[in-house]
N, C-alpha and C. Protein backbone atom coordinates (compact mmCIF):
# COMPACT_ATOMS: atom_id res chain seq x y z
N MET A 1 19.03 -117.35 -5.56
CA MET A 1 19.30 -116.14 -4.80
C MET A 1 18.98 -116.39 -3.34
N LYS A 2 19.96 -116.34 -2.47
CA LYS A 2 19.78 -116.56 -1.05
C LYS A 2 20.14 -115.29 -0.30
N THR A 3 19.40 -115.00 0.76
CA THR A 3 19.64 -113.81 1.55
C THR A 3 19.07 -114.03 2.94
N ASP A 4 19.49 -113.23 3.89
CA ASP A 4 18.90 -113.34 5.22
C ASP A 4 17.86 -112.24 5.46
N GLN A 5 17.59 -111.44 4.43
CA GLN A 5 16.56 -110.40 4.52
C GLN A 5 15.55 -110.57 3.39
N ILE A 6 14.29 -110.31 3.73
CA ILE A 6 13.20 -110.42 2.77
C ILE A 6 12.54 -109.06 2.62
N VAL A 7 12.45 -108.56 1.40
CA VAL A 7 11.78 -107.29 1.13
C VAL A 7 10.28 -107.48 1.30
N ILE A 8 9.66 -106.60 2.09
CA ILE A 8 8.22 -106.70 2.30
C ILE A 8 7.46 -105.43 1.92
N GLY A 9 8.20 -104.37 1.54
CA GLY A 9 7.51 -103.15 1.17
C GLY A 9 8.46 -102.09 0.64
N LYS A 10 7.85 -101.07 0.05
CA LYS A 10 8.60 -99.92 -0.46
C LYS A 10 8.01 -98.66 0.16
N ILE A 11 8.89 -97.80 0.65
CA ILE A 11 8.44 -96.55 1.26
C ILE A 11 8.09 -95.58 0.14
N LEU A 12 6.81 -95.22 0.09
CA LEU A 12 6.34 -94.31 -0.96
C LEU A 12 6.59 -92.85 -0.61
N ASN A 13 6.35 -92.55 0.68
CA ASN A 13 6.43 -91.14 1.08
C ASN A 13 6.34 -91.06 2.59
N THR A 14 6.41 -89.83 3.08
CA THR A 14 6.13 -89.58 4.49
C THR A 14 4.62 -89.36 4.60
N HIS A 15 4.14 -89.36 5.84
CA HIS A 15 2.72 -89.09 6.07
C HIS A 15 2.62 -88.20 7.31
N GLY A 16 2.23 -86.96 7.11
CA GLY A 16 2.18 -86.02 8.22
C GLY A 16 3.56 -85.49 8.56
N ILE A 17 3.63 -84.82 9.72
CA ILE A 17 4.89 -84.18 10.10
C ILE A 17 5.58 -84.89 11.26
N LYS A 18 4.99 -85.95 11.77
CA LYS A 18 5.54 -86.62 12.96
C LYS A 18 6.35 -87.87 12.63
N GLY A 19 6.78 -88.04 11.39
CA GLY A 19 7.70 -89.12 11.05
C GLY A 19 7.06 -90.41 10.58
N THR A 20 5.77 -90.42 10.35
CA THR A 20 5.12 -91.62 9.84
C THR A 20 5.54 -91.84 8.39
N ILE A 21 5.79 -93.11 8.04
CA ILE A 21 6.10 -93.43 6.65
C ILE A 21 4.94 -94.21 6.03
N LYS A 22 4.72 -93.95 4.74
CA LYS A 22 3.67 -94.63 3.98
C LYS A 22 4.34 -95.70 3.13
N VAL A 23 3.90 -96.96 3.29
CA VAL A 23 4.55 -98.10 2.66
C VAL A 23 3.61 -98.82 1.71
N GLN A 24 4.11 -99.13 0.52
CA GLN A 24 3.42 -100.01 -0.43
C GLN A 24 3.86 -101.44 -0.10
N PRO A 25 2.95 -102.30 0.37
CA PRO A 25 3.37 -103.66 0.72
C PRO A 25 3.83 -104.44 -0.51
N ILE A 26 4.84 -105.26 -0.33
CA ILE A 26 5.28 -106.20 -1.35
C ILE A 26 5.22 -107.57 -0.67
N THR A 27 4.01 -108.03 -0.49
CA THR A 27 3.75 -109.28 0.21
C THR A 27 2.35 -109.74 -0.16
N SER A 28 2.13 -111.03 -0.10
CA SER A 28 0.80 -111.56 -0.41
C SER A 28 -0.16 -111.42 0.77
N ASP A 29 0.36 -111.07 1.94
CA ASP A 29 -0.47 -110.96 3.14
C ASP A 29 -0.18 -109.62 3.82
N ILE A 30 -1.00 -108.63 3.51
CA ILE A 30 -0.79 -107.29 4.08
C ILE A 30 -0.93 -107.30 5.60
N ASN A 31 -1.69 -108.26 6.13
CA ASN A 31 -1.88 -108.33 7.57
C ASN A 31 -0.61 -108.72 8.34
N ARG A 32 0.43 -109.14 7.62
CA ARG A 32 1.70 -109.48 8.27
C ARG A 32 2.27 -108.25 8.97
N PHE A 33 1.85 -107.05 8.54
CA PHE A 33 2.33 -105.82 9.16
C PHE A 33 1.74 -105.60 10.55
N ASN A 34 0.61 -106.25 10.85
CA ASN A 34 -0.03 -106.05 12.15
C ASN A 34 0.85 -106.47 13.32
N ASP A 35 1.69 -107.46 13.14
CA ASP A 35 2.55 -107.95 14.22
C ASP A 35 4.01 -107.57 14.04
N LEU A 36 4.28 -106.69 13.11
CA LEU A 36 5.65 -106.31 12.78
C LEU A 36 6.28 -105.52 13.93
N LYS A 37 7.41 -106.01 14.42
CA LYS A 37 8.10 -105.35 15.53
C LYS A 37 9.31 -104.55 15.05
N TYR A 38 9.97 -105.03 14.00
CA TYR A 38 11.17 -104.38 13.47
C TYR A 38 11.12 -104.39 11.95
N ILE A 39 11.76 -103.40 11.35
CA ILE A 39 12.01 -103.41 9.90
C ILE A 39 13.48 -103.09 9.69
N ILE A 40 13.94 -103.37 8.49
CA ILE A 40 15.32 -103.06 8.13
C ILE A 40 15.30 -102.12 6.93
N ILE A 41 15.98 -100.99 7.08
CA ILE A 41 16.15 -100.02 6.00
C ILE A 41 17.64 -99.79 5.86
N ASP A 42 18.18 -100.03 4.67
CA ASP A 42 19.63 -99.86 4.45
C ASP A 42 20.46 -100.57 5.52
N ASP A 43 20.12 -101.82 5.79
CA ASP A 43 20.83 -102.65 6.77
C ASP A 43 20.76 -102.13 8.21
N GLN A 44 19.86 -101.20 8.47
CA GLN A 44 19.67 -100.68 9.83
C GLN A 44 18.35 -101.23 10.37
N ARG A 45 18.41 -101.91 11.50
CA ARG A 45 17.22 -102.48 12.14
C ARG A 45 16.54 -101.40 12.98
N ILE A 46 15.25 -101.16 12.71
CA ILE A 46 14.52 -100.07 13.35
C ILE A 46 13.24 -100.64 13.96
N GLU A 47 12.97 -100.27 15.20
CA GLU A 47 11.77 -100.75 15.89
C GLU A 47 10.53 -100.01 15.38
N VAL A 48 9.46 -100.77 15.15
CA VAL A 48 8.16 -100.22 14.75
C VAL A 48 7.35 -100.02 16.03
N VAL A 49 6.90 -98.78 16.28
CA VAL A 49 6.15 -98.51 17.50
C VAL A 49 4.64 -98.40 17.26
N ASN A 50 4.26 -98.16 16.03
CA ASN A 50 2.83 -98.10 15.71
C ASN A 50 2.66 -98.42 14.23
N ARG A 51 1.54 -99.03 13.92
CA ARG A 51 1.27 -99.39 12.53
C ARG A 51 -0.24 -99.38 12.29
N ARG A 52 -0.61 -99.06 11.06
CA ARG A 52 -2.02 -99.16 10.65
C ARG A 52 -2.07 -99.42 9.16
N ILE A 53 -3.16 -100.04 8.74
CA ILE A 53 -3.37 -100.37 7.34
C ILE A 53 -4.61 -99.62 6.87
N SER A 54 -4.50 -98.97 5.72
CA SER A 54 -5.63 -98.24 5.15
C SER A 54 -5.48 -98.21 3.64
N ASN A 55 -6.53 -98.58 2.94
CA ASN A 55 -6.55 -98.56 1.47
C ASN A 55 -5.36 -99.29 0.85
N ASN A 56 -5.05 -100.48 1.37
CA ASN A 56 -3.96 -101.31 0.87
C ASN A 56 -2.58 -100.67 1.01
N LEU A 57 -2.46 -99.71 1.88
CA LEU A 57 -1.17 -99.11 2.22
C LEU A 57 -0.94 -99.29 3.71
N VAL A 58 0.33 -99.25 4.12
CA VAL A 58 0.69 -99.43 5.52
C VAL A 58 1.36 -98.15 5.99
N TYR A 59 0.98 -97.71 7.17
CA TYR A 59 1.56 -96.52 7.77
C TYR A 59 2.31 -96.95 9.03
N LEU A 60 3.60 -96.65 9.09
CA LEU A 60 4.44 -97.08 10.19
C LEU A 60 5.06 -95.89 10.91
N ASP A 61 5.05 -95.98 12.25
CA ASP A 61 5.78 -95.03 13.09
C ASP A 61 6.98 -95.79 13.64
N LEU A 62 8.15 -95.19 13.55
CA LEU A 62 9.39 -95.84 13.93
C LEU A 62 10.00 -95.19 15.17
N LYS A 63 10.55 -96.01 16.05
CA LYS A 63 11.18 -95.52 17.27
C LYS A 63 12.34 -94.59 16.91
N ASP A 64 12.38 -93.45 17.56
CA ASP A 64 13.42 -92.42 17.39
C ASP A 64 13.33 -91.69 16.04
N TYR A 65 12.26 -91.91 15.29
CA TYR A 65 12.03 -91.20 14.02
C TYR A 65 10.68 -90.48 14.14
N ASP A 66 10.65 -89.44 14.97
CA ASP A 66 9.40 -88.77 15.31
C ASP A 66 9.24 -87.41 14.65
N ASP A 67 9.97 -87.21 13.56
CA ASP A 67 9.91 -85.94 12.85
C ASP A 67 10.06 -86.21 11.35
N ILE A 68 9.33 -85.49 10.55
CA ILE A 68 9.35 -85.70 9.11
C ILE A 68 10.77 -85.59 8.53
N SER A 69 11.58 -84.71 9.08
CA SER A 69 12.93 -84.52 8.54
C SER A 69 13.80 -85.77 8.73
N LYS A 70 13.47 -86.59 9.71
CA LYS A 70 14.25 -87.82 9.96
C LYS A 70 13.89 -88.95 9.00
N VAL A 71 12.67 -88.92 8.43
CA VAL A 71 12.24 -90.02 7.56
C VAL A 71 12.24 -89.67 6.07
N ILE A 72 12.38 -88.40 5.73
CA ILE A 72 12.43 -88.02 4.31
C ILE A 72 13.50 -88.79 3.54
N PRO A 73 14.70 -89.03 4.13
CA PRO A 73 15.71 -89.80 3.38
C PRO A 73 15.29 -91.24 3.06
N PHE A 74 14.25 -91.76 3.73
CA PHE A 74 13.79 -93.13 3.48
C PHE A 74 12.90 -93.24 2.24
N LYS A 75 12.41 -92.10 1.74
CA LYS A 75 11.49 -92.13 0.61
C LYS A 75 12.10 -92.88 -0.58
N GLY A 76 11.34 -93.86 -1.11
CA GLY A 76 11.77 -94.65 -2.26
C GLY A 76 12.59 -95.88 -1.88
N LYS A 77 12.92 -96.04 -0.61
CA LYS A 77 13.71 -97.20 -0.18
C LYS A 77 12.80 -98.38 0.12
N TYR A 78 13.42 -99.56 0.11
CA TYR A 78 12.70 -100.78 0.43
C TYR A 78 12.89 -101.13 1.89
N ILE A 79 11.84 -101.73 2.48
CA ILE A 79 11.96 -102.22 3.84
C ILE A 79 11.98 -103.74 3.80
N SER A 80 12.76 -104.28 4.71
CA SER A 80 12.94 -105.73 4.78
C SER A 80 12.72 -106.20 6.21
N VAL A 81 12.62 -107.52 6.34
CA VAL A 81 12.65 -108.18 7.64
C VAL A 81 13.68 -109.30 7.55
N LEU A 82 14.15 -109.75 8.68
CA LEU A 82 15.03 -110.89 8.68
C LEU A 82 14.26 -112.13 8.24
N GLU A 83 14.93 -113.02 7.55
CA GLU A 83 14.28 -114.24 7.09
C GLU A 83 13.66 -115.00 8.26
N SER A 84 14.30 -114.94 9.42
CA SER A 84 13.77 -115.63 10.61
C SER A 84 12.47 -115.01 11.11
N ASP A 85 12.17 -113.78 10.70
CA ASP A 85 10.93 -113.10 11.10
C ASP A 85 9.83 -113.19 10.03
N CYS A 86 10.06 -113.99 9.00
CA CYS A 86 9.08 -114.10 7.92
C CYS A 86 7.84 -114.84 8.38
N ILE A 87 6.77 -114.58 7.65
CA ILE A 87 5.54 -115.30 7.93
C ILE A 87 5.70 -116.74 7.45
N ASP A 88 4.95 -117.64 8.05
CA ASP A 88 4.96 -119.04 7.62
C ASP A 88 4.12 -119.19 6.37
N LEU A 89 4.64 -119.93 5.42
CA LEU A 89 3.92 -120.18 4.18
C LEU A 89 3.25 -121.55 4.23
N LYS A 90 2.16 -121.66 3.49
CA LYS A 90 1.50 -122.95 3.35
C LYS A 90 2.29 -123.81 2.38
N GLU A 91 2.04 -125.10 2.44
CA GLU A 91 2.72 -126.02 1.51
C GLU A 91 2.41 -125.60 0.07
N GLY A 92 3.43 -125.58 -0.75
CA GLY A 92 3.27 -125.20 -2.15
C GLY A 92 3.39 -123.70 -2.38
N GLN A 93 3.62 -122.91 -1.33
CA GLN A 93 3.84 -121.48 -1.48
C GLN A 93 5.32 -121.19 -1.29
N TYR A 94 5.79 -120.16 -1.99
CA TYR A 94 7.21 -119.82 -1.95
C TYR A 94 7.38 -118.31 -1.93
N PHE A 95 8.48 -117.87 -1.35
CA PHE A 95 8.84 -116.47 -1.46
C PHE A 95 9.46 -116.27 -2.84
N GLN A 96 9.26 -115.09 -3.43
CA GLN A 96 9.79 -114.84 -4.77
C GLN A 96 11.29 -115.06 -4.84
N TYR A 97 12.02 -114.61 -3.83
CA TYR A 97 13.48 -114.75 -3.89
C TYR A 97 13.91 -116.20 -3.95
N GLN A 98 13.06 -117.12 -3.47
CA GLN A 98 13.41 -118.54 -3.50
C GLN A 98 13.30 -119.12 -4.90
N VAL A 99 12.44 -118.54 -5.72
CA VAL A 99 12.14 -119.08 -7.05
C VAL A 99 12.99 -118.40 -8.13
N ILE A 100 13.21 -117.09 -7.98
CA ILE A 100 13.99 -116.36 -8.99
C ILE A 100 15.41 -116.93 -9.03
N GLY A 101 15.85 -117.25 -10.24
CA GLY A 101 17.18 -117.82 -10.43
C GLY A 101 17.19 -119.33 -10.58
N LEU A 102 16.05 -119.98 -10.30
CA LEU A 102 16.01 -121.44 -10.47
C LEU A 102 16.01 -121.80 -11.95
N ARG A 103 16.67 -122.89 -12.25
CA ARG A 103 16.70 -123.42 -13.62
C ARG A 103 15.41 -124.19 -13.86
N CYS A 104 14.90 -124.11 -15.08
CA CYS A 104 13.64 -124.77 -15.43
C CYS A 104 13.89 -125.83 -16.51
N TYR A 105 13.25 -126.97 -16.32
CA TYR A 105 13.35 -128.09 -17.26
C TYR A 105 11.96 -128.58 -17.57
N ASP A 106 11.79 -129.21 -18.74
CA ASP A 106 10.51 -129.85 -19.02
C ASP A 106 10.52 -131.24 -18.41
N THR A 107 9.44 -131.96 -18.56
CA THR A 107 9.30 -133.28 -17.94
C THR A 107 10.23 -134.32 -18.55
N GLU A 108 10.87 -133.98 -19.69
CA GLU A 108 11.84 -134.89 -20.31
C GLU A 108 13.28 -134.42 -20.07
N ASN A 109 13.44 -133.53 -19.09
CA ASN A 109 14.74 -133.02 -18.65
C ASN A 109 15.45 -132.14 -19.67
N ASN A 110 14.70 -131.50 -20.57
CA ASN A 110 15.26 -130.53 -21.50
C ASN A 110 15.29 -129.16 -20.81
N PHE A 111 16.44 -128.50 -20.86
CA PHE A 111 16.58 -127.18 -20.24
C PHE A 111 15.70 -126.16 -20.96
N LEU A 112 14.90 -125.42 -20.19
CA LEU A 112 14.01 -124.41 -20.77
C LEU A 112 14.51 -122.99 -20.53
N GLY A 113 15.14 -122.76 -19.40
CA GLY A 113 15.61 -121.42 -19.08
C GLY A 113 15.70 -121.22 -17.58
N VAL A 114 15.86 -119.96 -17.20
CA VAL A 114 16.02 -119.58 -15.80
C VAL A 114 14.93 -118.57 -15.44
N VAL A 115 14.35 -118.71 -14.26
CA VAL A 115 13.33 -117.77 -13.79
C VAL A 115 14.00 -116.43 -13.54
N LYS A 116 13.56 -115.40 -14.27
CA LYS A 116 14.10 -114.05 -14.13
C LYS A 116 13.26 -113.18 -13.20
N SER A 117 11.95 -113.40 -13.21
CA SER A 117 11.08 -112.64 -12.32
C SER A 117 9.75 -113.34 -12.20
N ILE A 118 8.95 -112.83 -11.29
CA ILE A 118 7.60 -113.34 -11.10
C ILE A 118 6.66 -112.15 -11.25
N ILE A 119 5.70 -112.32 -12.14
CA ILE A 119 4.71 -111.27 -12.37
C ILE A 119 3.49 -111.61 -11.52
N GLU A 120 3.15 -110.69 -10.62
CA GLU A 120 1.99 -110.92 -9.77
C GLU A 120 0.73 -110.58 -10.55
N ASN A 121 -0.22 -111.48 -10.46
CA ASN A 121 -1.46 -111.39 -11.20
C ASN A 121 -2.58 -111.72 -10.21
N PRO A 122 -3.73 -111.07 -10.29
CA PRO A 122 -4.81 -111.37 -9.34
C PRO A 122 -5.25 -112.84 -9.35
N VAL A 123 -5.16 -113.50 -10.49
CA VAL A 123 -5.61 -114.88 -10.59
C VAL A 123 -4.52 -115.84 -10.13
N HIS A 124 -3.31 -115.69 -10.64
CA HIS A 124 -2.16 -116.51 -10.28
C HIS A 124 -0.89 -115.81 -10.73
N ASP A 125 0.21 -116.14 -10.09
CA ASP A 125 1.49 -115.55 -10.49
C ASP A 125 1.96 -116.18 -11.80
N ILE A 126 2.83 -115.45 -12.50
CA ILE A 126 3.36 -115.91 -13.78
C ILE A 126 4.89 -115.86 -13.71
N LEU A 127 5.53 -116.97 -14.06
CA LEU A 127 6.98 -117.01 -14.10
C LEU A 127 7.47 -116.42 -15.41
N GLU A 128 8.45 -115.55 -15.34
CA GLU A 128 9.12 -115.02 -16.52
C GLU A 128 10.43 -115.79 -16.64
N ILE A 129 10.53 -116.60 -17.69
CA ILE A 129 11.67 -117.49 -17.86
C ILE A 129 12.45 -117.07 -19.10
N GLU A 130 13.76 -116.88 -18.91
CA GLU A 130 14.63 -116.49 -20.02
C GLU A 130 15.45 -117.70 -20.45
N ASP A 131 15.41 -118.01 -21.76
CA ASP A 131 16.17 -119.16 -22.26
C ASP A 131 17.58 -118.73 -22.67
N ASP A 132 18.37 -119.68 -23.17
CA ASP A 132 19.77 -119.40 -23.55
C ASP A 132 19.91 -118.34 -24.64
N SER A 133 18.88 -118.21 -25.48
CA SER A 133 18.95 -117.22 -26.56
C SER A 133 18.40 -115.86 -26.14
N LYS A 134 18.14 -115.71 -24.82
CA LYS A 134 17.62 -114.47 -24.22
C LYS A 134 16.16 -114.20 -24.58
N SER A 135 15.46 -115.20 -25.16
CA SER A 135 14.03 -115.08 -25.39
C SER A 135 13.31 -115.29 -24.06
N VAL A 136 12.22 -114.57 -23.87
CA VAL A 136 11.47 -114.64 -22.63
C VAL A 136 10.18 -115.41 -22.86
N HIS A 137 9.86 -116.29 -21.91
CA HIS A 137 8.66 -117.11 -21.98
C HIS A 137 7.90 -116.93 -20.67
N TYR A 138 6.59 -116.98 -20.75
CA TYR A 138 5.75 -116.77 -19.58
C TYR A 138 4.98 -118.05 -19.27
N VAL A 139 5.08 -118.49 -18.02
CA VAL A 139 4.43 -119.73 -17.60
C VAL A 139 3.61 -119.45 -16.35
N PRO A 140 2.31 -119.72 -16.39
CA PRO A 140 1.50 -119.56 -15.18
C PRO A 140 2.04 -120.46 -14.06
N PHE A 141 2.17 -119.90 -12.88
CA PHE A 141 2.72 -120.64 -11.74
C PHE A 141 1.58 -121.39 -11.06
N ILE A 142 1.05 -122.37 -11.80
CA ILE A 142 -0.08 -123.18 -11.31
C ILE A 142 0.22 -124.65 -11.57
N TYR A 143 -0.50 -125.49 -10.86
CA TYR A 143 -0.29 -126.94 -10.91
C TYR A 143 -0.36 -127.50 -12.33
N ASN A 144 -1.21 -126.95 -13.19
CA ASN A 144 -1.35 -127.46 -14.56
C ASN A 144 -0.02 -127.45 -15.31
N PHE A 145 0.85 -126.49 -15.02
CA PHE A 145 2.12 -126.35 -15.73
C PHE A 145 3.33 -126.70 -14.86
N ILE A 146 3.27 -126.41 -13.59
CA ILE A 146 4.40 -126.64 -12.69
C ILE A 146 4.24 -128.02 -12.06
N LYS A 147 5.14 -128.93 -12.41
CA LYS A 147 5.04 -130.30 -11.92
C LYS A 147 5.78 -130.49 -10.60
N SER A 148 6.90 -129.78 -10.42
CA SER A 148 7.60 -129.85 -9.13
C SER A 148 8.51 -128.65 -8.98
N VAL A 149 8.74 -128.30 -7.73
CA VAL A 149 9.65 -127.21 -7.39
C VAL A 149 10.62 -127.73 -6.33
N ASP A 150 11.90 -127.70 -6.65
CA ASP A 150 12.96 -128.06 -5.72
C ASP A 150 13.76 -126.79 -5.51
N LEU A 151 13.59 -126.13 -4.37
CA LEU A 151 14.20 -124.83 -4.14
C LEU A 151 15.72 -124.86 -4.16
N ASP A 152 16.30 -126.02 -4.01
CA ASP A 152 17.76 -126.14 -4.06
C ASP A 152 18.27 -126.48 -5.44
N LYS A 153 17.35 -126.72 -6.39
CA LYS A 153 17.81 -127.24 -7.67
C LYS A 153 17.08 -126.67 -8.88
N GLU A 154 15.76 -126.95 -9.00
CA GLU A 154 15.09 -126.69 -10.28
C GLU A 154 13.57 -126.67 -10.16
N ILE A 155 12.96 -126.26 -11.27
CA ILE A 155 11.51 -126.35 -11.44
C ILE A 155 11.26 -127.23 -12.66
N ILE A 156 10.35 -128.16 -12.52
CA ILE A 156 9.96 -129.02 -13.64
C ILE A 156 8.62 -128.50 -14.16
N ILE A 157 8.59 -128.23 -15.47
CA ILE A 157 7.42 -127.63 -16.11
C ILE A 157 6.89 -128.57 -17.19
N SER A 158 5.58 -128.60 -17.32
CA SER A 158 4.93 -129.32 -18.40
C SER A 158 4.31 -128.28 -19.33
N PRO A 159 5.11 -127.77 -20.29
CA PRO A 159 4.62 -126.69 -21.15
C PRO A 159 3.66 -127.20 -22.21
N ILE A 160 2.82 -126.30 -22.67
CA ILE A 160 1.95 -126.63 -23.80
C ILE A 160 2.65 -126.19 -25.08
N GLU A 161 2.18 -126.68 -26.20
CA GLU A 161 2.79 -126.35 -27.50
C GLU A 161 2.77 -124.84 -27.70
N GLY A 162 3.91 -124.30 -28.13
CA GLY A 162 4.03 -122.88 -28.40
C GLY A 162 4.49 -122.05 -27.22
N MET A 163 4.55 -122.65 -26.04
CA MET A 163 4.96 -121.90 -24.85
C MET A 163 6.48 -121.62 -24.89
N PHE A 164 7.25 -122.59 -25.44
CA PHE A 164 8.72 -122.42 -25.55
C PHE A 164 9.14 -122.63 -26.98
């Protein structure tokens, strides 16, 4: 799955009467919102004029959206940024959209399935892999099981007995 926009949050609701939106972050680094200059809602690029983080939620004020009636239609929508505005990742880290859809093989090149989603877990993420028979398998996204990731091709997994 390739795109030029990355989802970083979901608008939960408005906040107050002056057009502030309350956002649930969908990112591993909530502090990325501190330097956010623009967001994209429904393919519309909107300037962020003020932001604050409180209780793991983000509150954004948007240029020209200074009244609650202007932001109510945004409730439940996702906010994105351009891929060029994404935060830099450390080696071995990936954006979810880069991994979802990759084909998975074991270390002997046997096809295991395709990554359908990533389940976020406080300890480590878990890959949800669907095989040809539509059975779902869960693999911790950690070095013990993931031997290599080629974002243009595949993931090589070293599964334990019973995992597939």
